[in-house]
Protein backbone atom coordinates (compact mmCIF):
# COMPACT_ATOMS: atom_id res chain seq x y z
CA UNK A 1 101.13 110.75 90.89
CA UNK A 2 101.11 114.55 89.96
CA UNK A 3 100.14 117.00 92.79
CA UNK A 4 96.30 118.63 92.46
CA UNK A 5 95.81 121.80 90.99
CA UNK A 6 95.68 124.83 92.71
CA UNK A 7 92.35 125.77 91.44
CA UNK A 8 91.07 122.48 92.26
CA UNK A 9 92.37 123.11 96.21
CA UNK A 10 90.78 126.29 96.05
CA UNK A 11 87.98 125.33 95.05
CA UNK A 12 87.57 122.70 97.64
CA UNK A 13 88.42 124.83 100.41
CA UNK A 14 85.32 127.13 99.26
CA UNK A 15 83.14 124.44 99.08
CA UNK A 16 83.41 123.79 103.03
CA UNK A 17 83.68 127.16 103.96
CA UNK A 18 80.07 127.79 102.73
CA UNK A 19 78.94 125.83 105.55
CA UNK A 20 76.39 123.69 104.58
CA UNK A 21 78.23 120.46 104.29
CA UNK A 22 80.84 118.06 105.60
CA UNK A 23 83.92 116.96 104.62
CA UNK A 24 82.87 113.81 103.41
CA UNK A 25 80.31 115.02 101.30
CA UNK A 26 83.11 117.84 99.66
CA UNK A 27 85.42 114.66 99.40
CA UNK A 28 82.63 113.05 97.54
CA UNK A 29 81.76 115.61 95.25
CA UNK A 30 85.18 116.60 94.16
CA UNK A 31 86.38 112.78 93.86
CA UNK A 32 89.13 112.94 96.41
CA UNK A 33 89.88 111.27 99.82
CA UNK A 34 88.51 112.78 103.12
CA UNK A 35 91.87 113.13 104.35
CA UNK A 36 92.88 115.16 101.54
CA UNK A 37 90.08 117.79 102.13
CA UNK A 38 91.32 117.38 105.93
CA UNK A 39 94.78 118.48 104.89
CA UNK A 40 93.53 121.24 102.57
CA UNK A 41 91.70 122.82 105.24
CA UNK A 42 94.50 122.42 107.68
CA UNK A 43 97.00 123.98 105.58
CA UNK A 44 94.78 126.87 104.65
CA UNK A 45 94.39 127.62 108.41
CA UNK A 46 97.88 127.08 109.58
CA UNK A 47 99.61 128.26 106.51
CA UNK A 48 97.13 130.57 104.53
CA UNK A 49 97.47 128.77 101.37
CA UNK A 50 96.56 125.34 99.64
CA UNK A 51 99.93 125.32 96.96
CA UNK A 52 101.33 121.92 96.80
CA UNK A 53 104.42 121.44 98.67
CA UNK A 54 107.75 119.91 96.78
CA UNK A 55 106.95 116.32 96.27
CA UNK A 56 109.86 113.44 96.46
CA UNK A 57 113.53 114.07 96.53
CA UNK A 58 116.56 112.14 97.07
CA UNK A 59 117.78 110.16 99.82
CA UNK A 60 121.02 110.42 100.25
CA UNK A 61 123.46 107.46 101.16
CA UNK A 62 125.54 107.38 104.44
CA UNK A 63 128.61 108.08 102.49
CA UNK A 64 127.45 110.69 100.74
CA UNK A 65 129.89 113.52 101.02
CA UNK A 66 133.12 111.07 101.02
CA UNK A 67 133.96 110.40 97.62
CA UNK A 68 137.54 111.86 98.53
CA UNK A 69 138.45 109.81 101.77
CA UNK A 70 136.50 106.64 99.73
CA UNK A 71 139.06 107.53 96.79
CA UNK A 72 142.42 107.81 99.18
CA UNK A 73 141.14 104.30 101.00
CA UNK A 74 140.77 102.27 97.58
CA UNK A 75 144.41 104.17 96.48
CA UNK A 76 145.77 103.10 99.55
CA UNK A 77 144.53 99.72 100.18
CA UNK A 78 143.93 98.49 96.25
CA UNK A 79 143.65 94.54 97.16
CA UNK A 80 141.67 94.92 100.40
CA UNK A 81 138.03 93.20 100.34
CA UNK A 82 134.76 94.73 101.04
CA UNK A 83 135.00 93.68 104.39
CA UNK A 84 138.21 94.89 105.08
CA UNK A 85 137.19 98.24 103.92
CA UNK A 86 134.20 98.32 106.45
CA UNK A 87 136.46 97.47 109.01
CA UNK A 88 138.98 100.17 108.22
CA UNK A 89 136.26 102.80 107.66
CA UNK A 90 135.10 101.45 111.32
CA UNK A 91 138.64 102.35 112.80
CA UNK A 92 139.11 105.64 111.20
CA UNK A 93 135.81 107.03 110.88
CA UNK A 94 133.75 105.42 114.33
CA UNK A 95 131.25 104.41 111.79
CA UNK A 96 130.39 100.65 111.33
CA UNK A 97 128.93 99.87 107.72
CA UNK A 98 127.75 97.00 105.68
CA UNK A 99 129.29 95.32 102.81
CA UNK A 100 126.30 96.33 100.69
CA UNK A 101 126.45 100.31 101.58
CA UNK A 102 130.37 100.31 101.25
CA UNK A 103 129.55 98.11 97.89
CA UNK A 104 127.19 100.76 96.71
CA UNK A 105 129.13 103.78 97.71
CA UNK A 106 132.26 102.54 95.45
CA UNK A 107 130.11 101.74 92.60
CA UNK A 108 128.76 105.46 92.74
CA UNK A 109 132.23 106.44 92.83
CA UNK A 110 132.88 103.91 89.71
CA UNK A 111 136.15 102.80 92.29
CA UNK A 112 136.86 99.12 91.70
CA UNK A 113 137.16 96.31 94.16
CA UNK A 114 138.39 93.68 91.88
CA UNK A 115 140.86 91.94 93.07
CA UNK A 116 143.86 91.28 90.41
CA UNK A 117 146.46 88.52 90.83
CA UNK A 118 149.35 90.69 89.83
CA UNK A 119 151.82 87.79 91.37
CA UNK A 120 150.06 85.38 89.47
CA UNK A 121 150.09 87.34 85.84
CA UNK A 122 153.72 88.14 86.30
CA UNK A 123 154.62 84.82 86.92
CA UNK A 124 154.63 83.05 83.80
CA UNK A 125 154.32 78.99 84.40
CA UNK A 126 157.05 76.50 82.82
CA UNK A 127 155.48 73.66 81.28
CA UNK A 128 156.62 70.11 82.41
CA UNK A 129 158.18 68.18 80.09
CA UNK A 130 156.93 64.48 80.75
C-alpha cells in the first residue's frame, strides 16, 4: 500500500490543532484510522514533520555475506549432504543452521547439492550371458 501524501498528513494535523475537535472525529472526517492520526500527531511533536518513513526492506538471511565461505565449503566437500553441510558449518562457525536454511543459502548462490554417482557412471556394467 502506498503511503498517504504529505498534503493529506498536514491537513489532518492542522484540523486537529485548531482545537475544537477530537482525534476520532478528525479520523472519521478524513477517512483514516484513529491510530494513524495519533501517530501523525506524535510524529509532528517529536520529529517536527509528518513525512512518511521508508517502507519495507529486505530481510537478509542468516548466511548473507558468507558467499565465499559457502562456495569454498561446497568445493571442498562436493558430495556432502545438507545435514553434513550444517554440521560442518556448526563446527567451523559455531552457528547451527537448519537444513532448509542451508538449502536456501546454497540455492541463492546457485551452488548445487545434487549428488552424482561418479563411480557408477564410470564403471560400465557387463551384461551377463545366460
